[in-house]
């Protein structure tokens, strides 16, 4: 899969429309900022290499 830079502003706009969840203009900048933080955290998690022998657990047990 090719890495593409995520346009967080566009993502928030599209998800708002898809979910029929209007975001007031006064909150939009904060929502976009939080999604930018989420993206940064997700990139760290996704960049972590896993050995090929690791398998997902069939059942989650906390």
N, C-alpha and C. Protein backbone atom coordinates (compact mmCIF):
# COMPACT_ATOMS: atom_id res chain seq x y z
N UNK A 1 0.85 -1.18 0.00
CA UNK A 1 0.00 0.00 0.00
C UNK A 1 0.89 1.24 0.00
N UNK A 2 0.53 2.19 -0.78
CA UNK A 2 1.31 3.41 -0.90
C UNK A 2 0.96 4.36 0.24
N UNK A 3 2.00 4.92 0.88
CA UNK A 3 1.75 5.89 1.94
C UNK A 3 1.28 7.20 1.33
N UNK A 4 0.18 7.68 1.83
CA UNK A 4 -0.35 8.97 1.38
C UNK A 4 -0.51 9.85 2.61
N UNK A 5 -0.19 11.11 2.45
CA UNK A 5 -0.35 12.06 3.55
C UNK A 5 -1.83 12.34 3.76
N UNK A 6 -2.28 12.20 4.97
CA UNK A 6 -3.68 12.44 5.32
C UNK A 6 -3.92 13.93 5.51
N UNK A 7 -4.90 14.45 4.81
CA UNK A 7 -5.32 15.84 5.00
C UNK A 7 -6.38 15.81 6.11
N UNK A 8 -5.95 16.17 7.32
CA UNK A 8 -6.81 16.04 8.50
C UNK A 8 -8.05 16.92 8.36
N UNK A 9 -7.90 18.13 7.82
CA UNK A 9 -9.06 19.01 7.64
C UNK A 9 -10.11 18.36 6.74
N UNK A 10 -9.66 17.79 5.65
CA UNK A 10 -10.57 17.14 4.71
C UNK A 10 -11.20 15.89 5.34
N UNK A 11 -10.40 15.13 6.10
CA UNK A 11 -10.90 13.94 6.77
C UNK A 11 -12.02 14.29 7.73
N UNK A 12 -11.80 15.31 8.56
CA UNK A 12 -12.83 15.72 9.52
C UNK A 12 -14.09 16.18 8.80
N UNK A 13 -13.92 16.92 7.73
CA UNK A 13 -15.07 17.40 6.95
C UNK A 13 -15.85 16.22 6.36
N UNK A 14 -15.14 15.27 5.76
CA UNK A 14 -15.81 14.13 5.13
C UNK A 14 -16.49 13.23 6.16
N UNK A 15 -15.82 12.98 7.29
CA UNK A 15 -16.42 12.13 8.32
C UNK A 15 -17.64 12.81 8.95
N UNK A 16 -17.58 14.12 9.08
CA UNK A 16 -18.72 14.87 9.60
C UNK A 16 -19.94 14.68 8.70
N UNK A 17 -19.71 14.74 7.39
CA UNK A 17 -20.80 14.53 6.44
C UNK A 17 -21.27 13.09 6.44
N UNK A 18 -20.34 12.15 6.45
CA UNK A 18 -20.67 10.73 6.41
C UNK A 18 -21.49 10.31 7.64
N UNK A 19 -21.11 10.83 8.79
CA UNK A 19 -21.79 10.47 10.03
C UNK A 19 -23.00 11.35 10.33
N UNK A 20 -23.24 12.32 9.46
CA UNK A 20 -24.31 13.30 9.68
C UNK A 20 -24.16 13.92 11.07
N UNK A 21 -22.94 14.35 11.35
CA UNK A 21 -22.59 14.93 12.64
C UNK A 21 -21.98 16.31 12.41
N UNK A 22 -22.82 17.33 12.35
CA UNK A 22 -22.30 18.67 12.09
C UNK A 22 -21.37 19.14 13.22
N UNK A 23 -20.30 19.81 12.82
CA UNK A 23 -19.35 20.36 13.79
C UNK A 23 -19.43 21.88 13.68
N UNK A 24 -19.76 22.51 14.78
CA UNK A 24 -19.84 23.98 14.79
C UNK A 24 -18.48 24.58 14.48
N UNK A 25 -18.48 25.70 13.80
CA UNK A 25 -17.23 26.37 13.41
C UNK A 25 -16.33 26.66 14.62
N UNK A 26 -16.93 26.95 15.75
CA UNK A 26 -16.14 27.27 16.94
C UNK A 26 -15.38 26.06 17.49
N UNK A 27 -15.81 24.84 17.13
CA UNK A 27 -15.16 23.61 17.60
C UNK A 27 -14.28 22.96 16.54
N UNK A 28 -14.43 23.35 15.29
CA UNK A 28 -13.74 22.66 14.18
C UNK A 28 -12.22 22.64 14.37
N UNK A 29 -11.62 23.77 14.73
CA UNK A 29 -10.16 23.80 14.90
C UNK A 29 -9.69 22.82 15.98
N UNK A 30 -10.42 22.73 17.06
CA UNK A 30 -10.07 21.78 18.12
C UNK A 30 -10.22 20.33 17.69
N UNK A 31 -11.28 20.05 16.94
CA UNK A 31 -11.49 18.68 16.44
C UNK A 31 -10.36 18.31 15.48
N UNK A 32 -10.01 19.21 14.58
CA UNK A 32 -8.93 18.96 13.63
C UNK A 32 -7.61 18.75 14.37
N UNK A 33 -7.34 19.57 15.38
CA UNK A 33 -6.10 19.44 16.17
C UNK A 33 -6.04 18.09 16.86
N UNK A 34 -7.16 17.63 17.42
CA UNK A 34 -7.18 16.34 18.09
C UNK A 34 -6.97 15.19 17.10
N UNK A 35 -7.55 15.28 15.91
CA UNK A 35 -7.33 14.24 14.92
C UNK A 35 -5.89 14.24 14.42
N UNK A 36 -5.26 15.39 14.38
CA UNK A 36 -3.84 15.45 14.00
C UNK A 36 -3.00 14.74 15.06
N UNK A 37 -3.35 14.90 16.33
CA UNK A 37 -2.65 14.19 17.42
C UNK A 37 -2.87 12.68 17.30
N UNK A 38 -4.11 12.29 17.03
CA UNK A 38 -4.43 10.88 16.87
C UNK A 38 -3.62 10.29 15.72
N UNK A 39 -3.50 11.02 14.62
CA UNK A 39 -2.73 10.56 13.48
C UNK A 39 -1.27 10.34 13.86
N UNK A 40 -0.69 11.26 14.61
CA UNK A 40 0.71 11.14 15.02
C UNK A 40 0.92 9.91 15.90
N UNK A 41 0.00 9.66 16.81
CA UNK A 41 0.09 8.48 17.67
C UNK A 41 -0.06 7.20 16.85
N UNK A 42 -1.02 7.19 15.93
CA UNK A 42 -1.24 6.01 15.09
C UNK A 42 -0.02 5.70 14.23
N UNK A 43 0.67 6.73 13.75
CA UNK A 43 1.87 6.50 12.94
C UNK A 43 2.95 5.81 13.77
N UNK A 44 3.08 6.21 15.04
CA UNK A 44 4.05 5.55 15.92
C UNK A 44 3.71 4.07 16.11
N UNK A 45 2.44 3.79 16.35
CA UNK A 45 2.00 2.42 16.57
C UNK A 45 2.19 1.59 15.30
N UNK A 46 1.78 2.13 14.16
CA UNK A 46 1.88 1.39 12.90
C UNK A 46 3.32 1.20 12.44
N UNK A 47 4.23 2.05 12.88
CA UNK A 47 5.63 1.94 12.48
C UNK A 47 6.39 0.90 13.30
N UNK A 48 5.79 0.42 14.37
CA UNK A 48 6.45 -0.56 15.24
C UNK A 48 6.52 -1.91 14.53
N UNK A 49 7.72 -2.44 14.31
CA UNK A 49 7.84 -3.71 13.59
C UNK A 49 7.44 -4.89 14.47
N UNK A 50 6.70 -5.81 13.89
CA UNK A 50 6.33 -7.04 14.59
C UNK A 50 7.01 -8.22 13.91
N UNK A 51 7.48 -9.17 14.71
CA UNK A 51 8.05 -10.37 14.10
C UNK A 51 6.98 -11.14 13.32
N UNK A 52 7.41 -11.84 12.28
CA UNK A 52 6.45 -12.55 11.44
C UNK A 52 5.77 -13.69 12.16
N UNK A 53 6.37 -14.22 13.22
CA UNK A 53 5.77 -15.35 13.94
C UNK A 53 4.68 -14.92 14.94
N UNK A 54 4.48 -13.63 15.13
CA UNK A 54 3.46 -13.13 16.04
C UNK A 54 2.08 -13.32 15.40
N UNK A 55 1.17 -13.91 16.18
CA UNK A 55 -0.20 -14.12 15.69
C UNK A 55 -1.17 -13.41 16.63
N UNK A 56 -2.27 -12.91 16.10
CA UNK A 56 -3.26 -12.27 16.97
C UNK A 56 -3.95 -13.30 17.86
N UNK A 57 -4.28 -12.89 19.05
CA UNK A 57 -4.99 -13.78 19.97
C UNK A 57 -6.43 -13.93 19.49
N UNK A 58 -6.98 -15.16 19.53
CA UNK A 58 -8.35 -15.37 19.07
C UNK A 58 -9.39 -14.72 19.98
N UNK A 59 -9.04 -14.53 21.26
CA UNK A 59 -9.94 -13.94 22.25
C UNK A 59 -9.17 -12.93 23.07
N UNK A 60 -9.76 -11.75 23.24
CA UNK A 60 -9.12 -10.74 24.08
C UNK A 60 -9.43 -11.03 25.54
N UNK A 61 -8.38 -11.13 26.35
CA UNK A 61 -8.55 -11.33 27.78
C UNK A 61 -7.73 -10.27 28.49
N UNK A 62 -8.39 -9.30 29.12
CA UNK A 62 -7.66 -8.23 29.82
C UNK A 62 -6.91 -8.73 31.04
